[in-house]
Amino acid sequence: MKKLLVVSLMALTAALSSGCYSTETGRTKFGMPFAKDSIVSRYNRPVSVVFAAAKEVLAFNGTLTSENLIDNTVTAKADSKTIYVKVTEVEAGVAQIATQVRGSAGGPDIDLASEIDKQIAIKLAQSK
């Protein structure tokens, strides 16, 4: 009975810890699906200004790997982490930015996402 319980518990743990998550670029990747991995902020700035600030911050912190001007998404690598940033227009003159960070094994890094978001806010405050 104990063996069955242990095996069932291991199978449940494996099932819950593996899966797929959606990135800010619209793709799905292998990793922990139920973990908080993104920070969302709004700024009273045009999308183009916020997108340019996000690109500068990501280039400063790592290497830009992709940029999509249609969806206003940018991806970068910093250490072994992948950073996804998406800028959308919520209403006229108000931009929303979603910053998502995942490690090489698909685990979230909310601390780095928060730091990148804070650096983008500082960059926008300096460019006023």
C-alpha atoms as a PDB file:
ATOM      1  CA  MET A   1       0.000   0.000   0.000  1.00  0.00           C
ATOM      2  CA  LYS A   2       2.851   2.381   0.844  1.00  0.00           C
ATOM      3  CA  LYS A   3       4.552   1.641  -2.461  1.00  0.00           C
ATOM      4  CA  LEU A   4       1.389   2.515  -4.356  1.00  0.00           C
ATOM      5  CA  LEU A   5       1.056   5.756  -2.403  1.00  0.00           C
ATOM      6  CA  VAL A   6       4.689   6.712  -3.060  1.00  0.00           C
ATOM      7  CA  VAL A   7       4.438   5.912  -6.770  1.00  0.00           C
ATOM      8  CA  SER A   8       1.163   7.831  -7.053  1.00  0.00           C
ATOM      9  CA  LEU A   9       2.677  10.811  -5.275  1.00  0.00           C
ATOM     10  CA  MET A  10       5.727  10.777  -7.567  1.00  0.00           C
ATOM     11  CA  ALA A  11       3.519  10.571 -10.667  1.00  0.00           C
ATOM     12  CA  LEU A  12       1.385  13.463  -9.442  1.00  0.00           C
ATOM     13  CA  THR A  13       4.466  15.570  -8.728  1.00  0.00           C
ATOM     14  CA  ALA A  14       5.895  14.849 -12.177  1.00  0.00           C
ATOM     15  CA  ALA A  15       2.592  15.696 -13.854  1.00  0.00           C
ATOM     16  CA  LEU A  16       2.204  19.000 -12.024  1.00  0.00           C
ATOM     17  CA  SER A  17       5.801  20.149 -12.460  1.00  0.00           C
ATOM     18  CA  SER A  18       5.992  19.510 -16.184  1.00  0.00           C
ATOM     19  CA  GLY A  19       3.993  21.127 -18.914  1.00  0.00           C
ATOM     20  CA  CYS A  20       3.981  24.121 -21.202  1.00  0.00           C
ATOM     21  CA  TYR A  21       3.662  27.834 -20.618  1.00  0.00           C
ATOM     22  CA  SER A  22       2.799  30.669 -22.989  1.00  0.00           C
ATOM     23  CA  THR A  23       5.351  33.391 -23.660  1.00  0.00           C
ATOM     24  CA  GLU A  24       4.573  37.066 -24.233  1.00  0.00           C
ATOM     25  CA  THR A  25       5.464  36.509 -27.891  1.00  0.00           C
ATOM     26  CA  GLY A  26       2.535  34.095 -28.274  1.00  0.00           C
ATOM     27  CA  ARG A  27       4.507  30.842 -28.393  1.00  0.00           C
ATOM     28  CA  THR A  28       4.397  27.897 -26.025  1.00  0.00           C
ATOM     29  CA  LYS A  29       7.503  26.482 -24.384  1.00  0.00           C
ATOM     30  CA  PHE A  30       8.269  23.578 -22.061  1.00  0.00           C
ATOM     31  CA  GLY A  31       8.365  24.533 -18.395  1.00  0.00           C
ATOM     32  CA  MET A  32       6.383  25.028 -15.202  1.00  0.00           C
ATOM     33  CA  PRO A  33       2.955  26.263 -16.309  1.00  0.00           C
ATOM     34  CA  PHE A  34       1.389  27.440 -13.027  1.00  0.00           C
ATOM     35  CA  ALA A  35       4.101  29.784 -11.760  1.00  0.00           C
ATOM     36  CA  LYS A  36       4.004  33.598 -11.703  1.00  0.00           C
ATOM     37  CA  ASP A  37       6.611  34.771 -14.175  1.00  0.00           C
ATOM     38  CA  SER A  38       5.540  38.205 -15.391  1.00  0.00           C
ATOM     39  CA  ILE A  39       5.093  41.770 -14.200  1.00  0.00           C
ATOM     40  CA  VAL A  40       2.580  44.106 -15.860  1.00  0.00           C
ATOM     41  CA  SER A  41       2.869  47.912 -15.676  1.00  0.00           C
ATOM     42  CA  ARG A  42       1.167  50.869 -17.354  1.00  0.00           C
ATOM     43  CA  TYR A  43       2.701  54.175 -18.403  1.00  0.00           C
ATOM     44  CA  ASN A  44       1.214  57.406 -19.741  1.00  0.00           C
ATOM     45  CA  ARG A  45       3.469  57.274 -22.771  1.00  0.00           C
ATOM     46  CA  PRO A  46       3.048  56.242 -26.415  1.00  0.00           C
ATOM     47  CA  VAL A  47       3.810  52.632 -27.304  1.00  0.00           C
ATOM     48  CA  SER A  48       6.799  53.615 -29.464  1.00  0.00           C
ATOM     49  CA  VAL A  49       8.521  55.416 -26.568  1.00  0.00           C
ATOM     50  CA  VAL A  50       7.950  52.543 -24.118  1.00  0.00           C
ATOM     51  CA  PHE A  51       9.083  49.972 -26.709  1.00  0.00           C
ATOM     52  CA  ALA A  52      12.305  51.920 -27.370  1.00  0.00           C
ATOM     53  CA  ALA A  53      13.013  52.120 -23.615  1.00  0.00           C
ATOM     54  CA  ALA A  54      12.413  48.376 -23.242  1.00  0.00           C
ATOM     55  CA  LYS A  55      14.825  47.622 -26.096  1.00  0.00           C
ATOM     56  CA  GLU A  56      17.523  49.812 -24.519  1.00  0.00           C
ATOM     57  CA  VAL A  57      17.144  48.153 -21.121  1.00  0.00           C
ATOM     58  CA  LEU A  58      17.249  44.639 -22.586  1.00  0.00           C
ATOM     59  CA  ALA A  59      20.295  45.473 -24.713  1.00  0.00           C
ATOM     60  CA  PHE A  60      22.022  46.836 -21.597  1.00  0.00           C
ATOM     61  CA  ASN A  61      21.260  43.722 -19.535  1.00  0.00           C
ATOM     62  CA  GLY A  62      21.852  41.049 -22.163  1.00  0.00           C
ATOM     63  CA  THR A  63      21.719  40.235 -25.845  1.00  0.00           C
ATOM     64  CA  LEU A  64      18.658  40.984 -27.974  1.00  0.00           C
ATOM     65  CA  THR A  65      17.547  37.799 -29.731  1.00  0.00           C
ATOM     66  CA  SER A  66      14.380  38.918 -31.519  1.00  0.00           C
ATOM     67  CA  GLU A  67      12.279  41.975 -32.153  1.00  0.00           C
ATOM     68  CA  ASN A  68       8.773  42.078 -33.609  1.00  0.00           C
ATOM     69  CA  LEU A  69       7.596  45.557 -34.574  1.00  0.00           C
ATOM     70  CA  ILE A  70       4.120  44.351 -35.510  1.00  0.00           C
ATOM     71  CA  ASP A  71       3.306  42.846 -32.092  1.00  0.00           C
ATOM     72  CA  ASN A  72       5.708  45.178 -30.229  1.00  0.00           C
ATOM     73  CA  THR A  73       7.544  42.285 -28.592  1.00  0.00           C
ATOM     74  CA  VAL A  74      11.234  41.955 -27.893  1.00  0.00           C
ATOM     75  CA  THR A  75      13.189  38.974 -26.569  1.00  0.00           C
ATOM     76  CA  ALA A  76      16.626  38.901 -24.976  1.00  0.00           C
ATOM     77  CA  LYS A  77      19.005  36.481 -23.254  1.00  0.00           C
ATOM     78  CA  ALA A  78      20.714  37.448 -19.995  1.00  0.00           C
ATOM     79  CA  ASP A  79      22.910  34.818 -18.350  1.00  0.00           C
ATOM     80  CA  SER A  80      20.872  31.631 -18.820  1.00  0.00           C
ATOM     81  CA  LYS A  81      17.516  33.430 -18.661  1.00  0.00           C
ATOM     82  CA  THR A  82      15.181  34.417 -21.500  1.00  0.00           C
ATOM     83  CA  ILE A  83      13.414  37.761 -21.132  1.00  0.00           C
ATOM     84  CA  TYR A  84      10.200  38.495 -23.035  1.00  0.00           C
ATOM     85  CA  VAL A  85       8.718  42.006 -23.177  1.00  0.00           C
ATOM     86  CA  LYS A  86       5.440  42.930 -24.859  1.00  0.00           C
ATOM     87  CA  VAL A  87       4.131  46.495 -25.166  1.00  0.00           C
ATOM     88  CA  THR A  88       0.459  47.086 -25.967  1.00  0.00           C
ATOM     89  CA  GLU A  89      -1.689  50.180 -26.196  1.00  0.00           C
ATOM     90  CA  VAL A  90      -4.457  50.123 -23.586  1.00  0.00           C
ATOM     91  CA  GLU A  91      -5.985  53.453 -24.556  1.00  0.00           C
ATOM     92  CA  ALA A  92      -4.788  56.560 -26.366  1.00  0.00           C
ATOM     93  CA  GLY A  93      -1.444  57.594 -24.902  1.00  0.00           C
ATOM     94  CA  VAL A  94      -1.331  54.755 -22.329  1.00  0.00           C
ATOM     95  CA  ALA A  95       0.975  51.799 -22.899  1.00  0.00           C
ATOM     96  CA  GLN A  96       0.969  48.532 -20.979  1.00  0.00           C
ATOM     97  CA  ILE A  97       4.159  46.531 -20.696  1.00  0.00           C
ATOM     98  CA  ALA A  98       4.377  42.861 -19.702  1.00  0.00           C
ATOM     99  CA  THR A  99       7.825  41.587 -18.669  1.00  0.00           C
ATOM    100  CA  GLN A 100       8.297  37.810 -18.434  1.00  0.00           C
ATOM    101  CA  VAL A 101      11.471  35.928 -17.461  1.00  0.00           C
ATOM    102  CA  ARG A 102      12.120  32.190 -17.666  1.00  0.00           C
ATOM    103  CA  GLY A 103      15.258  30.173 -16.993  1.00  0.00           C
ATOM    104  CA  SER A 104      16.855  27.610 -19.285  1.00  0.00           C
ATOM    105  CA  ALA A 105      14.836  24.774 -17.690  1.00  0.00           C
ATOM    106  CA  GLY A 106      11.574  26.704 -17.960  1.00  0.00           C
ATOM    107  CA  GLY A 107      11.461  27.889 -14.366  1.00  0.00           C
ATOM    108  CA  PRO A 108      10.227  31.431 -13.673  1.00  0.00           C
ATOM    109  CA  ASP A 109      12.377  34.274 -12.327  1.00  0.00           C
ATOM    110  CA  ILE A 110       9.974  36.909 -11.011  1.00  0.00           C
ATOM    111  CA  ASP A 111      12.803  38.821  -9.305  1.00  0.00           C
ATOM    112  CA  LEU A 112      14.595  39.487 -12.599  1.00  0.00           C
ATOM    113  CA  ALA A 113      11.269  40.378 -14.263  1.00  0.00           C
ATOM    114  CA  SER A 114      10.675  42.932 -11.521  1.00  0.00           C
ATOM    115  CA  GLU A 115      14.186  44.350 -11.910  1.00  0.00           C
ATOM    116  CA  ILE A 116      13.821  44.707 -15.692  1.00  0.00           C
ATOM    117  CA  ASP A 117      10.423  46.383 -15.213  1.00  0.00           C
ATOM    118  CA  LYS A 118      11.946  48.803 -12.703  1.00  0.00           C
ATOM    119  CA  GLN A 119      14.809  49.654 -15.072  1.00  0.00           C
ATOM    120  CA  ILE A 120      12.325  50.374 -17.873  1.00  0.00           C
ATOM    121  CA  ALA A 121      10.394  52.708 -15.543  1.00  0.00           C
ATOM    122  CA  ILE A 122      13.622  54.531 -14.628  1.00  0.00           C
ATOM    123  CA  LYS A 123      14.578  54.844 -18.307  1.00  0.00           C
ATOM    124  CA  LEU A 124      11.146  56.346 -19.078  1.00  0.00           C
ATOM    125  CA  ALA A 125      11.443  58.777 -16.149  1.00  0.00           C
ATOM    126  CA  GLN A 126      14.867  59.935 -17.376  1.00  0.00           C
ATOM    127  CA  SER A 127      13.593  60.570 -20.909  1.00  0.00           C
ATOM    128  CA  LYS A 128      10.792  62.920 -19.818  1.00  0.00           C
END
